Amino acid sequence: MSVKSLRQTVQGLLPSLTPVRFVAEDGTPVAKAPAGYTEPPVETLRDAYRRMVLGRRFDTQATALTKQGRLAVYPSSRGQEACQVGAVLALRPDDWLFPTYRDSMALVTRGIDPLEVLTLLRGDWHCGYDPAATRVAPQCTPLATQVLHATGMAESLRRKGGDGVAMALVGDGATSEGDFHEALNFAAVFRAPVVFFVQNNKYAISVPLARQTAAPALAYKGIGHGVRCEQVDGNDLVAVLAVLTAAVEHARAGHGPFLVEAHTYRMDAHTNADDATRYRDDEEVERWSAADPLSRLEAHLRARGALTDEDVAAVREEAEALAAELRAGMNAETVPDPLELFDHVYAEPTPQLREQRALLAAELADLAALAEAGEPTTSQTQED
């Protein structure tokens, strides 16, 4: 490869020097629109606004449910609405989404029942929805393992001859994991149609970004693997959707993987079990509050005459109805079936699993018979 060709190749991988942005914090368009990206149609932005309002209300309601003991834990994504909604809207229904534990809002945007989304965090199932039907993988708690899964799925789609794309949602902390780099390398070598979407919310639990990496931006981490990269203002829905749409089309057209880093901020603590005041101050949170993605998009649409007070009121009413339905569903007690423990261990149960299931079924039948006869069970006897 000549020096000129090498230079062109490297330039083609590099992200913008500053994050791509279409809309400023006050909702006004930036002085110069970024080159190479197309602003989404206004109707798409109106739809995104509605979904962001619904997503935030879902998120605040889920946070409240943890305080009521209805959820074991909940990782809020308040402040990351533009990323969560933009990621889903950039995909087709037949594309695949690989979320993390913090991407519940994206799942709601994808159309999954909020009650099914929270099943994992309630402790009822490892996954409350059908991944094959929704084309959404189970939410992933271990860092970066879903990036490998997304790459494998993308390669499978490529080998089958279709034009499907997989998108892996990932946090900034996961970019330091070996799985992340292995996935990028494999995807680049085999030109797998996968988009790696890094939501850089500035903290890996309590570890600030500066303690994690010396890279000028996380987007640059793809260059060494030969992956096209970009960085975007993650609180600007217009920019997020424009960049992700371009990234998805890049992958769909057979040009290989694409890495997008979104600069955003986690407004709440890591989870309800975390005390964020121990590692960040109020001034920092207030500074990022001024860049709120929801109020920014609302101001932008109002300035364009594409959003009225009536529109805002209608969406908020819809969001309250969603929250009320979620509360009612979560207040209904579930009755778990202990035998479900064996249902999804293997596609074909092993002899040992069948034996264990039979033993448990027999024990449960004995307990039920004792209860029906009015006899005390072992546990009741111990309590007495």
Protein backbone atom coordinates (compact mmCIF):
# COMPACT_ATOMS: atom_id res chain seq x y z
CA MET A 1 0.00 0.00 0.00
CA SER A 2 1.39 3.41 -0.96
CA VAL A 3 1.81 6.20 1.55
CA LYS A 4 -1.03 8.07 -0.15
CA SER A 5 -3.36 5.07 0.05
CA LEU A 6 -2.40 4.46 3.67
CA ARG A 7 -3.12 8.08 4.55
CA GLN A 8 -6.54 7.88 2.87
CA THR A 9 -7.35 4.66 4.70
CA VAL A 10 -6.46 6.14 8.07
CA GLN A 11 -8.36 9.35 7.34
CA GLY A 12 -11.40 7.26 6.45
CA LEU A 13 -11.37 5.65 9.89
CA LEU A 14 -10.89 8.78 11.98
CA PRO A 15 -13.77 10.36 13.89
CA SER A 16 -14.55 14.07 13.82
CA LEU A 17 -12.22 16.12 16.01
CA THR A 18 -15.23 17.29 18.03
CA PRO A 19 -18.50 15.44 18.61
CA VAL A 20 -21.01 15.79 15.78
CA ARG A 21 -23.77 18.20 16.75
CA PHE A 22 -26.84 19.65 15.03
CA VAL A 23 -28.62 21.35 17.95
CA ALA A 24 -27.14 23.44 20.77
CA GLU A 25 -28.18 23.15 24.42
CA ASP A 26 -30.80 25.88 24.04
CA GLY A 27 -32.46 24.12 21.12
CA THR A 28 -31.13 26.37 18.36
CA PRO A 29 -29.37 24.89 15.33
CA VAL A 30 -25.57 25.08 15.35
CA ALA A 31 -23.99 27.73 13.15
CA LYS A 32 -22.68 25.19 10.65
CA ALA A 33 -24.39 21.86 10.10
CA PRO A 34 -21.93 18.91 10.19
CA ALA A 35 -20.89 17.65 6.79
CA GLY A 36 -21.58 14.11 5.73
CA TYR A 37 -24.73 13.61 7.80
CA THR A 38 -28.39 14.16 6.98
CA GLU A 39 -30.78 15.72 9.48
CA PRO A 40 -33.76 13.42 10.13
CA PRO A 41 -37.22 14.50 8.91
CA VAL A 42 -39.25 16.57 11.34
CA GLU A 43 -41.88 13.84 11.73
CA THR A 44 -39.14 11.47 12.83
CA LEU A 45 -38.02 14.02 15.40
CA ARG A 46 -41.59 14.43 16.66
CA ASP A 47 -41.84 10.66 17.07
CA ALA A 48 -38.50 10.62 18.86
CA TYR A 49 -39.68 13.35 21.24
CA ARG A 50 -42.78 11.32 22.14
CA ARG A 51 -40.67 8.22 22.76
CA MET A 52 -38.21 10.17 24.89
CA VAL A 53 -41.02 11.52 27.09
CA LEU A 54 -42.44 8.01 27.50
CA GLY A 55 -38.97 6.62 28.16
CA ARG A 56 -38.17 9.14 30.86
CA ARG A 57 -41.50 8.56 32.61
CA PHE A 58 -40.89 4.82 32.50
CA ASP A 59 -37.43 5.37 33.95
CA THR A 60 -38.59 7.57 36.83
CA GLN A 61 -41.40 5.14 37.61
CA ALA A 62 -39.03 2.19 37.64
CA THR A 63 -36.73 4.12 39.98
CA ALA A 64 -39.67 4.72 42.32
CA LEU A 65 -40.57 1.02 42.24
CA THR A 66 -37.19 0.13 43.73
CA LYS A 67 -37.96 2.33 46.73
CA GLN A 68 -41.24 0.47 47.16
CA GLY A 69 -39.49 -2.91 47.12
CA ARG A 70 -41.07 -3.96 43.82
CA LEU A 71 -37.70 -4.15 42.06
CA ALA A 72 -34.50 -5.57 43.50
CA VAL A 73 -32.41 -2.95 41.69
CA TYR A 74 -32.76 -0.51 38.82
CA PRO A 75 -29.99 1.17 36.78
CA SER A 76 -31.46 4.47 35.62
CA SER A 77 -30.68 5.92 32.20
CA ARG A 78 -32.17 9.36 32.88
CA GLY A 79 -30.17 11.84 30.83
CA GLN A 80 -29.37 9.27 28.14
CA GLU A 81 -32.78 9.39 26.41
CA ALA A 82 -31.36 10.62 23.10
CA CYS A 83 -28.99 7.64 22.97
CA GLN A 84 -31.59 5.07 24.00
CA VAL A 85 -34.28 6.27 21.61
CA GLY A 86 -31.91 7.18 18.78
CA ALA A 87 -30.35 3.71 18.79
CA VAL A 88 -33.71 1.99 18.32
CA LEU A 89 -35.01 4.39 15.69
CA ALA A 90 -31.87 3.89 13.59
CA LEU A 91 -32.66 0.17 13.25
CA ARG A 92 -35.19 -1.74 11.20
CA PRO A 93 -37.57 -4.13 13.01
CA ASP A 94 -35.65 -7.10 11.58
CA ASP A 95 -32.28 -5.82 12.83
CA TRP A 96 -30.90 -7.08 16.14
CA LEU A 97 -30.30 -5.08 19.33
CA PHE A 98 -27.91 -6.22 22.07
CA PRO A 99 -28.54 -4.16 25.22
CA THR A 100 -26.84 -3.78 28.58
CA TYR A 101 -28.53 -3.73 31.97
CA ARG A 102 -28.91 0.08 31.66
CA ASP A 103 -30.82 0.02 28.38
CA SER A 104 -34.34 -0.69 29.62
CA MET A 105 -35.56 2.54 28.05
CA ALA A 106 -34.35 1.33 24.66
CA LEU A 107 -36.32 -1.89 25.10
CA VAL A 108 -39.50 0.06 25.83
CA THR A 109 -38.83 2.15 22.72
CA ARG A 110 -38.43 -1.08 20.75
CA GLY A 111 -42.03 -1.93 21.71
CA ILE A 112 -41.43 -4.51 24.43
CA ASP A 113 -44.01 -4.53 27.24
CA PRO A 114 -42.53 -2.53 30.17
CA LEU A 115 -43.56 -5.29 32.56
CA GLU A 116 -41.55 -7.79 30.53
CA VAL A 117 -38.61 -5.39 30.48
CA LEU A 118 -38.55 -5.27 34.29
CA THR A 119 -38.98 -9.01 34.80
CA LEU A 120 -35.20 -9.47 35.09
CA LEU A 121 -34.83 -6.70 37.66
CA ARG A 122 -37.79 -8.04 39.59
CA GLY A 123 -36.06 -11.40 39.88
CA ASP A 124 -38.77 -13.49 38.17
CA TRP A 125 -36.86 -14.52 35.03
CA HIS A 126 -33.46 -14.00 33.46
CA CYS A 127 -35.31 -12.43 30.52
CA GLY A 128 -38.99 -11.51 30.43
CA TYR A 129 -39.43 -11.25 26.67
CA ASP A 130 -38.83 -13.48 23.63
CA PRO A 131 -35.46 -12.51 22.08
CA ALA A 132 -36.19 -14.33 18.81
CA ALA A 133 -39.55 -12.61 18.33
CA THR A 134 -38.37 -9.14 19.32
CA ARG A 135 -34.85 -9.44 17.89
CA VAL A 136 -33.58 -8.04 21.18
CA ALA A 137 -31.02 -10.10 23.08
CA PRO A 138 -31.40 -10.49 26.86
CA GLN A 139 -30.08 -7.52 28.82
CA CYS A 140 -26.45 -8.18 29.65
CA THR A 141 -24.96 -7.53 33.10
CA PRO A 142 -21.35 -8.74 32.57
CA LEU A 143 -19.41 -5.98 30.83
CA ALA A 144 -18.84 -6.30 27.07
CA THR A 145 -19.92 -9.92 26.64
CA GLN A 146 -22.92 -8.76 24.57
CA VAL A 147 -20.47 -7.13 22.12
CA LEU A 148 -19.17 -10.57 21.19
CA HIS A 149 -22.72 -11.87 20.86
CA ALA A 150 -23.69 -8.97 18.59
CA THR A 151 -20.66 -9.57 16.39
CA GLY A 152 -21.45 -13.25 16.12
CA MET A 153 -25.05 -12.51 15.18
CA ALA A 154 -23.92 -9.94 12.61
CA GLU A 155 -21.55 -12.45 11.04
CA SER A 156 -24.36 -15.00 10.95
CA LEU A 157 -26.62 -12.52 9.17
CA ARG A 158 -23.86 -11.78 6.65
CA ARG A 159 -23.21 -15.44 5.90
CA LYS A 160 -26.90 -16.08 5.35
CA GLY A 161 -26.89 -13.48 2.61
CA GLY A 162 -29.34 -10.99 4.10
CA ASP A 163 -28.81 -7.31 4.84
CA GLY A 164 -29.59 -7.36 8.56
CA VAL A 165 -27.52 -5.39 11.05
CA ALA A 166 -26.73 -5.94 14.72
CA MET A 167 -26.19 -3.07 17.15
CA ALA A 168 -24.39 -3.53 20.46
CA LEU A 169 -25.07 -0.97 23.16
CA VAL A 170 -22.12 -0.60 25.50
CA GLY A 171 -20.98 1.67 28.31
CA ASP A 172 -17.67 3.49 28.61
CA GLY A 173 -16.38 1.07 31.25
CA ALA A 174 -16.85 -1.91 28.95
CA THR A 175 -14.43 -0.47 26.38
CA SER A 176 -11.58 -1.49 28.71
CA GLU A 177 -12.62 -5.15 28.59
CA GLY A 178 -10.85 -7.67 26.40
CA ASP A 179 -14.16 -8.87 24.96
CA PHE A 180 -14.75 -5.41 23.50
CA HIS A 181 -11.48 -5.44 21.56
CA GLU A 182 -11.84 -9.05 20.47
CA ALA A 183 -15.26 -8.26 19.03
CA LEU A 184 -13.96 -5.20 17.15
CA ASN A 185 -11.06 -7.15 15.71
CA PHE A 186 -13.22 -10.06 14.55
CA ALA A 187 -15.87 -7.73 13.10
CA ALA A 188 -13.28 -5.76 11.15
CA VAL A 189 -11.50 -8.82 9.75
CA PHE A 190 -14.74 -10.46 8.59
CA ARG A 191 -16.52 -7.19 7.77
CA ALA A 192 -19.44 -8.15 10.00
CA PRO A 193 -22.42 -5.74 9.76
CA VAL A 194 -22.36 -4.58 13.37
CA VAL A 195 -22.56 -1.13 14.96
CA PHE A 196 -20.85 -0.64 18.33
CA PHE A 197 -22.64 2.19 20.13
CA VAL A 198 -20.72 3.41 23.20
CA GLN A 199 -22.76 5.52 25.59
CA ASN A 200 -19.99 7.39 27.38
CA ASN A 201 -21.78 8.66 30.47
CA LYS A 202 -18.46 9.59 32.10
CA TYR A 203 -18.42 7.02 34.92
CA ALA A 204 -17.86 3.27 35.10
CA ILE A 205 -19.81 3.02 38.36
CA SER A 206 -17.57 5.39 40.37
CA VAL A 207 -14.48 5.41 38.13
CA PRO A 208 -14.24 8.63 36.07
CA LEU A 209 -13.24 8.35 32.43
CA ALA A 210 -9.83 9.99 33.00
CA ARG A 211 -8.89 7.13 35.37
CA GLN A 212 -9.89 4.55 32.80
CA THR A 213 -8.28 5.66 29.55
CA ALA A 214 -5.79 8.16 28.14
CA ALA A 215 -7.38 8.06 24.69
CA PRO A 216 -8.52 11.49 23.41
CA ALA A 217 -11.96 9.91 22.91
CA LEU A 218 -13.28 6.38 23.13
CA ALA A 219 -14.11 6.54 19.43
CA TYR A 220 -10.39 6.29 18.66
CA LYS A 221 -10.29 2.79 20.13
CA GLY A 222 -11.65 1.38 16.90
CA ILE A 223 -8.89 2.67 14.65
CA GLY A 224 -6.30 0.08 15.69
CA HIS A 225 -8.73 -2.62 14.64
CA GLY A 226 -9.54 -1.01 11.31
CA VAL A 227 -13.05 0.03 12.33
CA ARG A 228 -14.66 3.25 11.06
CA CYS A 229 -15.27 5.55 14.01
CA GLU A 230 -17.28 8.64 14.95
CA GLN A 231 -18.13 10.63 18.03
CA VAL A 232 -21.39 12.48 18.61
CA ASP A 233 -23.06 14.76 21.13
CA GLY A 234 -25.10 12.10 22.92
CA ASN A 235 -27.59 14.63 24.28
CA ASP A 236 -28.50 15.89 20.82
CA LEU A 237 -31.13 13.50 19.47
CA VAL A 238 -30.89 15.00 16.00
CA ALA A 239 -27.16 14.30 15.83
CA VAL A 240 -27.40 10.87 17.46
CA LEU A 241 -30.04 9.72 14.99
CA ALA A 242 -28.18 11.20 12.01
CA VAL A 243 -24.88 9.52 12.92
CA LEU A 244 -26.38 6.17 13.92
CA THR A 245 -28.48 6.04 10.75
CA ALA A 246 -25.31 6.57 8.71
CA ALA A 247 -23.47 3.94 10.77
CA VAL A 248 -26.23 1.38 10.29
CA GLU A 249 -26.35 2.00 6.55
CA HIS A 250 -22.55 1.71 6.38
CA ALA A 251 -22.77 -1.74 7.95
CA ARG A 252 -25.83 -2.76 5.94
CA ALA A 253 -24.10 -1.88 2.66
CA GLY A 254 -21.32 -4.36 3.39
CA HIS A 255 -18.64 -1.87 4.42
CA GLY A 256 -18.00 -3.56 7.75
CA PRO A 257 -18.42 -2.49 11.37
CA PHE A 258 -18.82 1.05 12.69
CA LEU A 259 -18.01 2.41 16.15
CA VAL A 260 -19.94 5.42 17.49
CA GLU A 261 -19.15 7.10 20.80
CA ALA A 262 -21.90 9.27 22.29
CA HIS A 263 -20.88 11.87 24.86
CA THR A 264 -23.69 11.88 27.42
CA TYR A 265 -24.21 11.81 31.18
CA ARG A 266 -25.86 9.57 33.74
CA MET A 267 -27.98 11.98 35.79
CA ASP A 268 -28.83 9.48 38.53
CA ALA A 269 -26.58 7.15 40.47
CA HIS A 270 -25.21 3.93 38.98
CA THR A 271 -28.14 2.08 40.57
CA ASN A 272 -30.41 2.73 43.53
CA ALA A 273 -27.75 0.98 45.65
CA ASP A 274 -25.08 3.55 44.71
CA ASP A 275 -24.23 6.85 46.41
CA ALA A 276 -23.04 9.07 43.54
CA THR A 277 -22.25 12.00 45.88
CA ARG A 278 -19.12 10.11 46.95
CA TYR A 279 -17.45 10.58 43.56
CA ARG A 280 -19.10 13.59 41.84
CA ASP A 281 -20.32 16.97 43.02
CA ASP A 282 -23.59 18.86 42.55
CA GLU A 283 -21.93 21.45 40.30
CA GLU A 284 -21.06 18.78 37.75
CA VAL A 285 -24.60 17.38 37.76
CA GLU A 286 -26.09 20.88 37.38
CA ARG A 287 -23.78 21.60 34.46
CA TRP A 288 -24.98 18.53 32.63
CA SER A 289 -28.60 19.29 33.52
CA ALA A 290 -28.33 22.32 31.25
CA ALA A 291 -27.63 19.93 28.36
CA ASP A 292 -30.72 17.81 29.05
CA PRO A 293 -31.60 15.93 25.83
CA LEU A 294 -35.36 16.06 26.31
CA SER A 295 -35.68 19.79 26.95
CA ARG A 296 -33.22 20.44 24.11
CA LEU A 297 -35.30 18.54 21.56
CA GLU A 298 -38.52 20.08 22.85
CA ALA A 299 -37.11 23.60 22.47
CA HIS A 300 -35.84 22.75 18.98
CA LEU A 301 -39.21 21.43 17.81
CA ARG A 302 -41.10 24.36 19.34
CA ALA A 303 -38.81 26.82 17.56
CA ARG A 304 -39.55 25.06 14.27
CA GLY A 305 -43.29 25.21 14.90
CA ALA A 306 -43.41 21.42 15.01
CA LEU A 307 -44.54 21.10 18.63
CA THR A 308 -47.36 22.87 20.46
CA ASP A 309 -48.52 23.05 24.07
CA GLU A 310 -51.33 20.67 23.14
CA ASP A 311 -48.84 18.18 21.71
CA VAL A 312 -46.73 18.31 24.86
CA ALA A 313 -49.78 17.87 27.10
CA ALA A 314 -51.00 14.88 25.08
CA VAL A 315 -47.65 13.11 25.25
CA ARG A 316 -47.34 13.74 28.99
CA GLU A 317 -50.84 12.35 29.52
CA GLU A 318 -49.85 9.24 27.56
CA ALA A 319 -46.72 8.93 29.71
CA GLU A 320 -48.75 9.12 32.92
CA ALA A 321 -51.06 6.40 31.63
CA LEU A 322 -48.01 4.22 30.90
CA ALA A 323 -46.71 4.80 34.44
CA ALA A 324 -50.09 3.96 35.98
CA GLU A 325 -50.33 0.74 33.98
CA LEU A 326 -46.79 -0.16 35.00
CA ARG A 327 -47.57 0.44 38.69
CA ALA A 328 -50.68 -1.71 38.50
CA GLY A 329 -48.81 -4.53 36.80
CA MET A 330 -45.95 -4.42 39.26
CA ASN A 331 -48.31 -4.43 42.24
CA ALA A 332 -49.78 -7.75 41.10
CA GLU A 333 -47.97 -10.55 42.86
CA THR A 334 -46.41 -13.22 40.66
CA VAL A 335 -46.57 -16.93 41.49
CA PRO A 336 -43.32 -18.52 40.31
CA ASP A 337 -43.24 -22.13 39.23
CA PRO A 338 -40.15 -23.81 40.76
CA LEU A 339 -40.03 -26.32 37.89
CA GLU A 340 -39.20 -23.49 35.50
CA LEU A 341 -35.67 -23.73 36.87
CA PHE A 342 -35.09 -26.59 34.44
CA ASP A 343 -36.88 -25.29 31.35
CA HIS A 344 -34.12 -23.28 29.68
CA VAL A 345 -30.84 -24.78 30.84
CA TYR A 346 -30.35 -26.82 27.67
CA ALA A 347 -32.40 -27.15 24.49
CA GLU A 348 -32.41 -30.90 25.14
CA PRO A 349 -32.41 -31.65 28.91
CA THR A 350 -29.69 -33.99 30.14
CA PRO A 351 -30.58 -37.17 32.07
CA GLN A 352 -29.35 -35.51 35.25
CA LEU A 353 -31.62 -32.51 34.73
CA ARG A 354 -34.61 -34.73 34.04
CA GLU A 355 -33.89 -36.67 37.21
CA GLN A 356 -33.56 -33.49 39.30
CA ARG A 357 -36.77 -32.12 37.82
CA ALA A 358 -38.63 -35.32 38.66
CA LEU A 359 -37.36 -35.25 42.25
CA LEU A 360 -38.46 -31.64 42.72
CA ALA A 361 -41.84 -32.33 41.11
CA ALA A 362 -42.40 -35.24 43.50
CA GLU A 363 -41.45 -33.14 46.51
CA LEU A 364 -43.78 -30.34 45.43
CA ALA A 365 -46.60 -32.86 44.92
CA ASP A 366 -46.04 -34.23 48.44
CA LEU A 367 -46.15 -30.72 49.91
CA ALA A 368 -49.34 -29.95 48.03
CA ALA A 369 -50.96 -33.18 49.30
CA LEU A 370 -50.01 -32.36 52.88
CA ALA A 371 -51.42 -28.88 52.55
CA GLU A 372 -54.67 -30.20 51.09
CA ALA A 373 -55.01 -32.68 53.96
CA GLY A 374 -54.36 -29.99 56.52
CA GLU A 375 -51.14 -31.62 57.67
CA PRO A 376 -48.22 -29.34 58.62
CA THR A 377 -45.30 -29.23 56.18
CA THR A 378 -41.68 -29.55 57.30
CA SER A 379 -41.19 -25.80 57.11
CA GLN A 380 -44.32 -25.15 59.15
CA THR A 381 -43.21 -27.68 61.77
CA GLN A 382 -39.83 -25.99 62.10
CA GLU A 383 -41.51 -22.61 62.51
CA ASP A 384 -43.79 -23.98 65.24
